[in-house]
C-alpha atoms as a PDB file:
ATOM      1  CA  UNK A   1     -14.731  20.596 -10.078  1.00  0.00           C
ATOM      2  CA  UNK A   2     -15.610  19.220 -14.016  1.00  0.00           C
ATOM      3  CA  UNK A   3     -12.230  17.618 -15.855  1.00  0.00           C
ATOM      4  CA  UNK A   4      -9.360  18.105 -15.354  1.00  0.00           C
ATOM      5  CA  UNK A   5      -7.455  15.981 -17.477  1.00  0.00           C
ATOM      6  CA  UNK A   6      -7.347  14.018 -20.946  1.00  0.00           C
ATOM      7  CA  UNK A   7      -6.821  10.702 -19.651  1.00  0.00           C
ATOM      8  CA  UNK A   8     -10.371   8.253 -19.253  1.00  0.00           C
ATOM      9  CA  UNK A   9     -10.435   8.789 -14.870  1.00  0.00           C
ATOM     10  CA  UNK A  10      -9.727  12.281 -14.956  1.00  0.00           C
ATOM     11  CA  UNK A  11     -13.450  13.751 -14.213  1.00  0.00           C
ATOM     12  CA  UNK A  12     -15.876  13.822 -11.484  1.00  0.00           C
ATOM     13  CA  UNK A  13     -18.019  11.966 -13.450  1.00  0.00           C
ATOM     14  CA  UNK A  14     -15.490   8.790 -14.071  1.00  0.00           C
ATOM     15  CA  UNK A  15     -14.757   8.937 -10.543  1.00  0.00           C
ATOM     16  CA  UNK A  16     -18.260   8.488  -9.414  1.00  0.00           C
ATOM     17  CA  UNK A  17     -18.355   5.436 -12.045  1.00  0.00           C
ATOM     18  CA  UNK A  18     -15.184   4.417 -10.572  1.00  0.00           C
ATOM     19  CA  UNK A  19     -16.532   4.692  -7.136  1.00  0.00           C
ATOM     20  CA  UNK A  20     -20.026   2.782  -7.466  1.00  0.00           C
ATOM     21  CA  UNK A  21     -17.826  -0.207  -9.024  1.00  0.00           C
ATOM     22  CA  UNK A  22     -15.563  -0.109  -6.118  1.00  0.00           C
ATOM     23  CA  UNK A  23     -19.068   0.058  -3.348  1.00  0.00           C
ATOM     24  CA  UNK A  24     -20.416  -3.151  -5.829  1.00  0.00           C
ATOM     25  CA  UNK A  25     -16.783  -4.772  -5.214  1.00  0.00           C
ATOM     26  CA  UNK A  26     -16.852  -4.146  -1.549  1.00  0.00           C
ATOM     27  CA  UNK A  27     -20.676  -5.887  -1.388  1.00  0.00           C
ATOM     28  CA  UNK A  28     -19.411  -8.629  -3.333  1.00  0.00           C
ATOM     29  CA  UNK A  29     -16.532  -9.723  -1.290  1.00  0.00           C
ATOM     30  CA  UNK A  30     -18.749  -9.265   2.266  1.00  0.00           C
ATOM     31  CA  UNK A  31     -21.497 -11.248   0.487  1.00  0.00           C
ATOM     32  CA  UNK A  32     -18.341 -14.314  -0.368  1.00  0.00           C
ATOM     33  CA  UNK A  33     -17.489 -13.915   3.266  1.00  0.00           C
ATOM     34  CA  UNK A  34     -20.863 -14.608   4.739  1.00  0.00           C
ATOM     35  CA  UNK A  35     -22.000 -17.191   2.499  1.00  0.00           C
ATOM     36  CA  UNK A  36     -19.792 -17.646  -0.117  1.00  0.00           C
ATOM     37  CA  UNK A  37     -18.307 -21.391  -0.797  1.00  0.00           C
ATOM     38  CA  UNK A  38     -14.520 -21.602   0.008  1.00  0.00           C
ATOM     39  CA  UNK A  39     -13.473 -21.023  -3.231  1.00  0.00           C
ATOM     40  CA  UNK A  40     -15.513 -17.551  -3.577  1.00  0.00           C
ATOM     41  CA  UNK A  41     -13.691 -16.667  -0.130  1.00  0.00           C
ATOM     42  CA  UNK A  42     -10.652 -17.116  -1.742  1.00  0.00           C
ATOM     43  CA  UNK A  43     -11.390 -15.300  -5.209  1.00  0.00           C
ATOM     44  CA  UNK A  44     -13.169 -12.153  -2.714  1.00  0.00           C
ATOM     45  CA  UNK A  45      -9.334 -12.552  -1.187  1.00  0.00           C
ATOM     46  CA  UNK A  46      -7.467 -12.131  -4.151  1.00  0.00           C
ATOM     47  CA  UNK A  47      -9.624  -9.198  -5.302  1.00  0.00           C
ATOM     48  CA  UNK A  48      -8.683  -7.204  -2.290  1.00  0.00           C
ATOM     49  CA  UNK A  49      -5.367  -7.616  -2.604  1.00  0.00           C
ATOM     50  CA  UNK A  50      -5.269  -6.989  -6.368  1.00  0.00           C
ATOM     51  CA  UNK A  51      -7.991  -3.794  -6.564  1.00  0.00           C
ATOM     52  CA  UNK A  52      -5.374  -1.436  -4.307  1.00  0.00           C
ATOM     53  CA  UNK A  53      -4.359   1.168  -6.673  1.00  0.00           C
ATOM     54  CA  UNK A  54      -6.245   2.963  -9.782  1.00  0.00           C
ATOM     55  CA  UNK A  55      -8.165   2.762 -11.202  1.00  0.00           C
ATOM     56  CA  UNK A  56     -10.214   0.413  -8.804  1.00  0.00           C
ATOM     57  CA  UNK A  57      -8.912   1.217  -5.561  1.00  0.00           C
ATOM     58  CA  UNK A  58     -10.855  -0.546  -2.525  1.00  0.00           C
ATOM     59  CA  UNK A  59      -8.448   0.509  -0.086  1.00  0.00           C
ATOM     60  CA  UNK A  60     -10.348   3.089   1.825  1.00  0.00           C
ATOM     61  CA  UNK A  61     -13.468   1.588   1.511  1.00  0.00           C
ATOM     62  CA  UNK A  62     -12.383  -1.895   2.604  1.00  0.00           C
ATOM     63  CA  UNK A  63     -10.374  -0.531   5.491  1.00  0.00           C
ATOM     64  CA  UNK A  64     -13.509   1.674   7.176  1.00  0.00           C
ATOM     65  CA  UNK A  65     -14.967  -2.029   6.502  1.00  0.00           C
ATOM     66  CA  UNK A  66     -12.312  -3.528   8.567  1.00  0.00           C
ATOM     67  CA  UNK A  67     -12.594  -6.095   5.173  1.00  0.00           C
ATOM     68  CA  UNK A  68      -8.652  -6.632   5.173  1.00  0.00           C
ATOM     69  CA  UNK A  69      -8.344  -8.098   8.611  1.00  0.00           C
ATOM     70  CA  UNK A  70     -11.925  -9.776   8.617  1.00  0.00           C
ATOM     71  CA  UNK A  71     -10.376 -11.649   5.421  1.00  0.00           C
ATOM     72  CA  UNK A  72      -7.485 -12.705   7.286  1.00  0.00           C
ATOM     73  CA  UNK A  73      -9.605 -14.164   9.759  1.00  0.00           C
ATOM     74  CA  UNK A  74     -11.851 -16.329   6.986  1.00  0.00           C
ATOM     75  CA  UNK A  75      -8.913 -17.531   5.241  1.00  0.00           C
ATOM     76  CA  UNK A  76      -7.450 -18.727   8.521  1.00  0.00           C
ATOM     77  CA  UNK A  77     -10.460 -20.283   9.572  1.00  0.00           C
ATOM     78  CA  UNK A  78     -10.734 -21.770   5.810  1.00  0.00           C
ATOM     79  CA  UNK A  79      -7.244 -22.826   6.122  1.00  0.00           C
ATOM     80  CA  UNK A  80      -8.194 -24.803   8.970  1.00  0.00           C
ATOM     81  CA  UNK A  81     -11.381 -26.459   7.845  1.00  0.00           C
ATOM     82  CA  UNK A  82      -9.068 -30.419   7.036  1.00  0.00           C
ATOM     83  CA  UNK A  83     -12.177 -32.029   5.245  1.00  0.00           C
ATOM     84  CA  UNK A  84     -12.230 -28.814   2.828  1.00  0.00           C
ATOM     85  CA  UNK A  85      -8.546 -29.096   2.559  1.00  0.00           C
ATOM     86  CA  UNK A  86      -8.619 -32.349   1.934  1.00  0.00           C
ATOM     87  CA  UNK A  87     -10.417 -32.311  -1.156  1.00  0.00           C
ATOM     88  CA  UNK A  88      -6.905 -31.136  -2.880  1.00  0.00           C
ATOM     89  CA  UNK A  89      -5.109 -33.102  -4.518  1.00  0.00           C
ATOM     90  CA  UNK A  90      -2.177 -31.640  -3.034  1.00  0.00           C
ATOM     91  CA  UNK A  91      -3.307 -30.363   0.236  1.00  0.00           C
ATOM     92  CA  UNK A  92       0.308 -28.443   1.089  1.00  0.00           C
ATOM     93  CA  UNK A  93      -0.490 -26.184  -2.028  1.00  0.00           C
ATOM     94  CA  UNK A  94      -3.480 -24.667  -1.159  1.00  0.00           C
ATOM     95  CA  UNK A  95      -2.298 -24.147   2.486  1.00  0.00           C
ATOM     96  CA  UNK A  96       0.202 -21.965   1.083  1.00  0.00           C
ATOM     97  CA  UNK A  97      -2.031 -20.234  -1.657  1.00  0.00           C
ATOM     98  CA  UNK A  98      -3.947 -19.141   1.490  1.00  0.00           C
ATOM     99  CA  UNK A  99      -0.960 -18.232   3.196  1.00  0.00           C
ATOM    100  CA  UNK A 100       0.356 -16.158   0.529  1.00  0.00           C
ATOM    101  CA  UNK A 101      -2.763 -14.205   0.580  1.00  0.00           C
ATOM    102  CA  UNK A 102      -2.994 -13.854   4.583  1.00  0.00           C
ATOM    103  CA  UNK A 103       0.292 -11.739   3.868  1.00  0.00           C
ATOM    104  CA  UNK A 104      -0.859  -9.768   1.188  1.00  0.00           C
ATOM    105  CA  UNK A 105      -3.627  -8.468   2.850  1.00  0.00           C
ATOM    106  CA  UNK A 106      -1.707  -7.641   5.823  1.00  0.00           C
ATOM    107  CA  UNK A 107       0.392  -6.047   3.408  1.00  0.00           C
ATOM    108  CA  UNK A 108      -1.723  -3.866   1.189  1.00  0.00           C
ATOM    109  CA  UNK A 109      -3.699  -2.976   4.758  1.00  0.00           C
ATOM    110  CA  UNK A 110      -0.335  -1.716   6.676  1.00  0.00           C
ATOM    111  CA  UNK A 111       0.701   0.165   3.697  1.00  0.00           C
ATOM    112  CA  UNK A 112      -2.602   1.446   3.228  1.00  0.00           C
ATOM    113  CA  UNK A 113      -2.391   2.895   6.672  1.00  0.00           C
ATOM    114  CA  UNK A 114       1.173   3.782   7.030  1.00  0.00           C
ATOM    115  CA  UNK A 115       0.321   5.691   3.888  1.00  0.00           C
ATOM    116  CA  UNK A 116      -2.850   7.278   5.930  1.00  0.00           C
ATOM    117  CA  UNK A 117      -0.641   8.539   8.955  1.00  0.00           C
ATOM    118  CA  UNK A 118       1.732  10.189   6.606  1.00  0.00           C
ATOM    119  CA  UNK A 119      -0.756  12.374   5.154  1.00  0.00           C
ATOM    120  CA  UNK A 120      -2.035  13.002   8.213  1.00  0.00           C
ATOM    121  CA  UNK A 121       1.077  14.013   9.678  1.00  0.00           C
ATOM    122  CA  UNK A 122       1.722  16.290   6.381  1.00  0.00           C
ATOM    123  CA  UNK A 123      -1.627  18.118   7.129  1.00  0.00           C
ATOM    124  CA  UNK A 124      -1.134  18.459  10.876  1.00  0.00           C
ATOM    125  CA  UNK A 125       2.848  19.684   9.715  1.00  0.00           C
ATOM    126  CA  UNK A 126       1.678  21.950   7.144  1.00  0.00           C
ATOM    127  CA  UNK A 127      -1.333  23.629   9.322  1.00  0.00           C
ATOM    128  CA  UNK A 128       1.337  23.969  12.174  1.00  0.00           C
ATOM    129  CA  UNK A 129       4.202  25.249   9.876  1.00  0.00           C
ATOM    130  CA  UNK A 130       0.988  28.000   8.437  1.00  0.00           C
ATOM    131  CA  UNK A 131      -0.110  28.817  11.914  1.00  0.00           C
ATOM    132  CA  UNK A 132       3.427  30.033  12.670  1.00  0.00           C
ATOM    133  CA  UNK A 133       3.956  32.054  10.125  1.00  0.00           C
ATOM    134  CA  UNK A 134       0.880  33.746  10.510  1.00  0.00           C
ATOM    135  CA  UNK A 135       1.601  34.303  14.365  1.00  0.00           C
ATOM    136  CA  UNK A 136       4.966  35.357  13.173  1.00  0.00           C
ATOM    137  CA  UNK A 137       3.498  37.671  10.795  1.00  0.00           C
ATOM    138  CA  UNK A 138       1.021  39.010  13.302  1.00  0.00           C
ATOM    139  CA  UNK A 139       3.707  39.802  16.028  1.00  0.00           C
ATOM    140  CA  UNK A 140       5.595  41.317  13.279  1.00  0.00           C
ATOM    141  CA  UNK A 141       3.073  43.762  12.483  1.00  0.00           C
ATOM    142  CA  UNK A 142       1.871  44.608  16.376  1.00  0.00           C
ATOM    143  CA  UNK A 143       5.854  45.225  17.047  1.00  0.00           C
ATOM    144  CA  UNK A 144       5.773  48.327  14.273  1.00  0.00           C
ATOM    145  CA  UNK A 145       5.221  51.772  15.034  1.00  0.00           C
ATOM    146  CA  UNK A 146       3.124  53.847  12.803  1.00  0.00           C
END
């Protein structure tokens, strides 16, 4: 397709480049979830909640990897890690921050899932409507006498 506009991301090359960045970010988030410190896990969760719209949109890849729900589970464990929570001068605030991140992750995952459902329904509707029109056209053509 090439270039379709004049904005910075309106080309196949730019979209490929952004896709590479998204892949790297998702890889780093997965690494933080596996081996990261609690603070790195929180930062990774923040990235997932913030990078859900262009130009960097992690929704597709994060959904494919199940990262939203895995991160929620990770944060739930972190919230219950009393020794770590007690290292904070105000443990209630870190618990609240983690709770906010969990809600944001769930909201992003649900809104992306709803969008995908709507798109599938729209495509199905358009396809079904096109098939009906095609069938009507064929019936009308068969019914005519030469």
